[in-house]
């Protein structure tokens, strides 16, 4: 069954990447692009990983969550010359 119709990624392919060590949707996206176009499959990928990936590293997940929540300051524009 297809998980990501944008890139034609199947459940079997997601499971293969999970078996190879991908334990987050971001890691699956890096491996095969699933979840990087419309994003409609990300929850399905999370569900598959929740069942299939028993090697989750909580510290790695916390680092990813922290990195995702960091906002980068926007540099101030240079003042306009008069």
N, C-alpha and C. Protein backbone atom coordinates (compact mmCIF):
# COMPACT_ATOMS: atom_id res chain seq x y z
N UNK A 1 0.84 -1.17 0.00
CA UNK A 1 0.00 0.00 0.00
C UNK A 1 0.89 1.25 0.00
N UNK A 2 0.47 2.24 -0.77
CA UNK A 2 1.25 3.48 -0.83
C UNK A 2 1.04 4.31 0.43
N UNK A 3 2.14 4.85 0.94
CA UNK A 3 2.10 5.77 2.07
C UNK A 3 2.17 7.20 1.53
N UNK A 4 3.09 7.43 0.61
CA UNK A 4 3.30 8.76 0.01
C UNK A 4 3.00 8.67 -1.47
N UNK A 5 1.86 9.20 -1.87
CA UNK A 5 1.52 9.14 -3.29
C UNK A 5 2.29 10.18 -4.10
N UNK A 6 2.79 11.22 -3.47
CA UNK A 6 3.57 12.23 -4.20
C UNK A 6 4.84 11.61 -4.80
N UNK A 7 5.49 10.73 -4.04
CA UNK A 7 6.73 10.12 -4.49
C UNK A 7 6.63 8.61 -4.69
N UNK A 8 5.43 8.04 -4.54
CA UNK A 8 5.22 6.62 -4.77
C UNK A 8 5.94 5.74 -3.77
N UNK A 9 5.96 6.15 -2.50
CA UNK A 9 6.64 5.39 -1.46
C UNK A 9 5.63 4.47 -0.77
N UNK A 10 5.99 3.20 -0.64
CA UNK A 10 5.10 2.21 -0.05
C UNK A 10 5.42 1.98 1.44
N UNK A 11 4.49 1.29 2.12
CA UNK A 11 4.73 0.90 3.51
C UNK A 11 6.00 0.07 3.61
N UNK A 12 6.17 -0.84 2.66
CA UNK A 12 7.36 -1.71 2.68
C UNK A 12 8.64 -0.90 2.61
N UNK A 13 8.64 0.16 1.80
CA UNK A 13 9.84 1.00 1.70
C UNK A 13 10.09 1.76 3.01
N UNK A 14 9.03 2.27 3.62
CA UNK A 14 9.19 2.97 4.91
C UNK A 14 9.74 1.99 5.94
N UNK A 15 9.19 0.78 5.97
CA UNK A 15 9.66 -0.24 6.92
C UNK A 15 11.12 -0.60 6.66
N UNK A 16 11.50 -0.65 5.38
CA UNK A 16 12.90 -0.96 5.03
C UNK A 16 13.83 0.12 5.58
N UNK A 17 13.44 1.38 5.43
CA UNK A 17 14.26 2.48 5.95
C UNK A 17 14.27 2.47 7.48
N UNK A 18 13.14 2.10 8.10
CA UNK A 18 13.10 1.99 9.56
C UNK A 18 14.03 0.88 10.03
N UNK A 19 14.04 -0.24 9.32
CA UNK A 19 14.94 -1.35 9.66
C UNK A 19 16.40 -0.93 9.52
N UNK A 20 16.66 0.00 8.59
CA UNK A 20 18.02 0.48 8.38
C UNK A 20 18.41 1.56 9.39
N UNK A 21 17.46 1.96 10.27
CA UNK A 21 17.81 2.90 11.33
C UNK A 21 17.04 4.20 11.35
N UNK A 22 16.22 4.48 10.36
CA UNK A 22 15.43 5.72 10.35
C UNK A 22 14.28 5.57 11.34
N UNK A 23 14.24 6.43 12.34
CA UNK A 23 13.23 6.30 13.39
C UNK A 23 12.34 7.53 13.53
N UNK A 24 12.49 8.49 12.66
CA UNK A 24 11.64 9.68 12.70
C UNK A 24 11.17 9.99 11.28
N UNK A 25 10.05 10.70 11.14
CA UNK A 25 9.61 11.09 9.81
C UNK A 25 10.67 11.91 9.06
N UNK A 26 11.42 12.70 9.78
CA UNK A 26 12.49 13.49 9.15
C UNK A 26 13.56 12.59 8.55
N UNK A 27 13.91 11.52 9.26
CA UNK A 27 14.90 10.58 8.74
C UNK A 27 14.36 9.81 7.54
N UNK A 28 13.08 9.47 7.58
CA UNK A 28 12.45 8.82 6.42
C UNK A 28 12.48 9.77 5.23
N UNK A 29 12.16 11.04 5.47
CA UNK A 29 12.19 12.04 4.39
C UNK A 29 13.58 12.16 3.79
N UNK A 30 14.60 12.13 4.62
CA UNK A 30 15.98 12.20 4.12
C UNK A 30 16.32 10.98 3.27
N UNK A 31 15.75 9.84 3.64
CA UNK A 31 16.07 8.60 2.93
C UNK A 31 15.34 8.47 1.60
N UNK A 32 14.07 8.96 1.53
CA UNK A 32 13.30 8.69 0.31
C UNK A 32 12.35 9.81 -0.12
N UNK A 33 12.40 10.96 0.53
CA UNK A 33 11.59 12.14 0.21
C UNK A 33 10.14 12.05 0.67
N UNK A 34 9.70 10.93 1.21
CA UNK A 34 8.31 10.80 1.66
C UNK A 34 8.02 11.87 2.72
N UNK A 35 6.93 12.58 2.53
CA UNK A 35 6.54 13.61 3.49
C UNK A 35 7.07 14.99 3.18
N UNK A 36 7.82 15.14 2.10
CA UNK A 36 8.44 16.44 1.83
C UNK A 36 7.68 17.29 0.82
N UNK A 37 6.62 16.74 0.21
CA UNK A 37 5.89 17.53 -0.77
C UNK A 37 4.63 18.10 -0.12
N UNK A 38 3.54 17.38 -0.12
CA UNK A 38 2.29 17.92 0.43
C UNK A 38 2.20 17.71 1.94
N UNK A 39 2.94 16.73 2.49
CA UNK A 39 2.93 16.47 3.93
C UNK A 39 1.76 15.62 4.40
N UNK A 40 0.91 15.21 3.49
CA UNK A 40 -0.26 14.43 3.87
C UNK A 40 0.05 13.06 4.43
N UNK A 41 1.22 12.55 4.20
CA UNK A 41 1.57 11.20 4.65
C UNK A 41 2.36 11.17 5.96
N UNK A 42 2.70 12.32 6.49
CA UNK A 42 3.58 12.36 7.67
C UNK A 42 2.96 11.61 8.86
N UNK A 43 1.67 11.78 9.09
CA UNK A 43 1.04 11.07 10.22
C UNK A 43 1.04 9.56 10.00
N UNK A 44 0.85 9.14 8.77
CA UNK A 44 0.89 7.70 8.46
C UNK A 44 2.31 7.17 8.70
N UNK A 45 3.31 7.94 8.30
CA UNK A 45 4.70 7.54 8.53
C UNK A 45 4.96 7.46 10.04
N UNK A 46 4.48 8.44 10.80
CA UNK A 46 4.64 8.41 12.25
C UNK A 46 4.01 7.16 12.85
N UNK A 47 2.82 6.80 12.36
CA UNK A 47 2.14 5.61 12.86
C UNK A 47 2.94 4.36 12.55
N UNK A 48 3.47 4.26 11.33
CA UNK A 48 4.29 3.10 10.97
C UNK A 48 5.55 3.03 11.82
N UNK A 49 6.18 4.14 12.05
CA UNK A 49 7.40 4.15 12.85
C UNK A 49 7.11 3.84 14.30
N UNK A 50 5.97 4.29 14.79
CA UNK A 50 5.59 4.01 16.17
C UNK A 50 5.47 2.54 16.44
N UNK A 51 5.02 1.79 15.44
CA UNK A 51 4.88 0.35 15.57
C UNK A 51 6.17 -0.38 15.28
N UNK A 52 6.90 0.08 14.30
CA UNK A 52 8.02 -0.69 13.78
C UNK A 52 9.38 -0.31 14.32
N UNK A 53 9.54 0.87 14.83
CA UNK A 53 10.87 1.31 15.23
C UNK A 53 11.02 1.24 16.74
N UNK A 54 11.67 0.20 17.20
CA UNK A 54 11.86 0.03 18.63
C UNK A 54 13.19 0.62 19.09
N UNK A 55 13.94 1.23 18.15
CA UNK A 55 15.27 1.75 18.48
C UNK A 55 15.25 3.27 18.69
N UNK A 56 14.12 3.81 19.08
CA UNK A 56 14.04 5.27 19.24
C UNK A 56 15.00 5.74 20.33
N UNK A 57 15.70 6.80 20.04
CA UNK A 57 16.63 7.40 20.99
C UNK A 57 15.98 8.67 21.51
N UNK A 58 15.53 8.65 22.75
CA UNK A 58 14.81 9.81 23.29
C UNK A 58 15.65 11.07 23.27
N UNK A 59 16.93 10.94 23.49
CA UNK A 59 17.78 12.14 23.45
C UNK A 59 17.80 12.73 22.06
N UNK A 60 17.87 11.89 21.05
CA UNK A 60 17.85 12.37 19.67
C UNK A 60 16.53 13.03 19.33
N UNK A 61 15.42 12.46 19.82
CA UNK A 61 14.11 13.07 19.58
C UNK A 61 14.03 14.42 20.26
N UNK A 62 14.54 14.51 21.48
CA UNK A 62 14.50 15.78 22.20
C UNK A 62 15.35 16.82 21.48
N UNK A 63 16.50 16.41 20.94
CA UNK A 63 17.33 17.35 20.19
C UNK A 63 16.62 17.83 18.95
N UNK A 64 15.95 16.91 18.23
CA UNK A 64 15.21 17.30 17.03
C UNK A 64 14.09 18.26 17.38
N UNK A 65 13.36 17.98 18.48
CA UNK A 65 12.27 18.86 18.89
C UNK A 65 12.79 20.23 19.26
N UNK A 66 13.89 20.26 19.98
CA UNK A 66 14.48 21.54 20.38
C UNK A 66 14.96 22.31 19.16
N UNK A 67 15.59 21.62 18.22
CA UNK A 67 16.08 22.29 17.02
C UNK A 67 14.93 22.83 16.18
N UNK A 68 13.83 22.10 16.15
CA UNK A 68 12.67 22.54 15.36
C UNK A 68 12.00 23.75 15.99
N UNK A 69 12.10 23.89 17.33
CA UNK A 69 11.41 24.98 17.99
C UNK A 69 12.25 26.25 18.11
N UNK A 70 13.51 26.17 17.74
CA UNK A 70 14.38 27.35 17.81
C UNK A 70 14.02 28.31 16.69
N UNK A 71 13.83 29.55 17.06
CA UNK A 71 13.56 30.55 16.03
C UNK A 71 14.85 31.31 15.78
N UNK A 72 15.10 31.59 14.54
CA UNK A 72 16.29 32.32 14.18
C UNK A 72 15.95 33.79 14.05
N UNK A 73 16.70 34.63 14.72
CA UNK A 73 16.41 36.08 14.61
C UNK A 73 16.64 36.58 13.19
N UNK A 74 15.81 37.49 12.80
CA UNK A 74 15.96 38.10 11.49
C UNK A 74 16.91 39.28 11.63
N UNK A 75 17.96 39.33 10.82
CA UNK A 75 18.91 40.44 10.94
C UNK A 75 18.22 41.76 10.61
N UNK A 76 18.61 42.77 11.34
CA UNK A 76 18.03 44.10 11.11
C UNK A 76 18.51 44.64 9.76
N UNK A 77 17.62 45.31 9.08
CA UNK A 77 17.97 45.89 7.80
C UNK A 77 18.89 47.09 8.01
N UNK A 78 19.76 47.32 7.07
CA UNK A 78 20.65 48.46 7.16
C UNK A 78 19.82 49.75 7.03
N UNK A 79 20.19 50.78 7.78
CA UNK A 79 19.42 52.03 7.67
C UNK A 79 19.55 52.63 6.27
N UNK A 80 18.49 53.23 5.84
CA UNK A 80 18.49 53.86 4.52
C UNK A 80 19.32 55.16 4.54
N UNK A 81 20.07 55.37 3.49
CA UNK A 81 20.86 56.59 3.40
C UNK A 81 19.94 57.77 3.09
N UNK A 82 20.22 58.89 3.70
CA UNK A 82 19.35 60.06 3.51
C UNK A 82 19.73 60.83 2.28
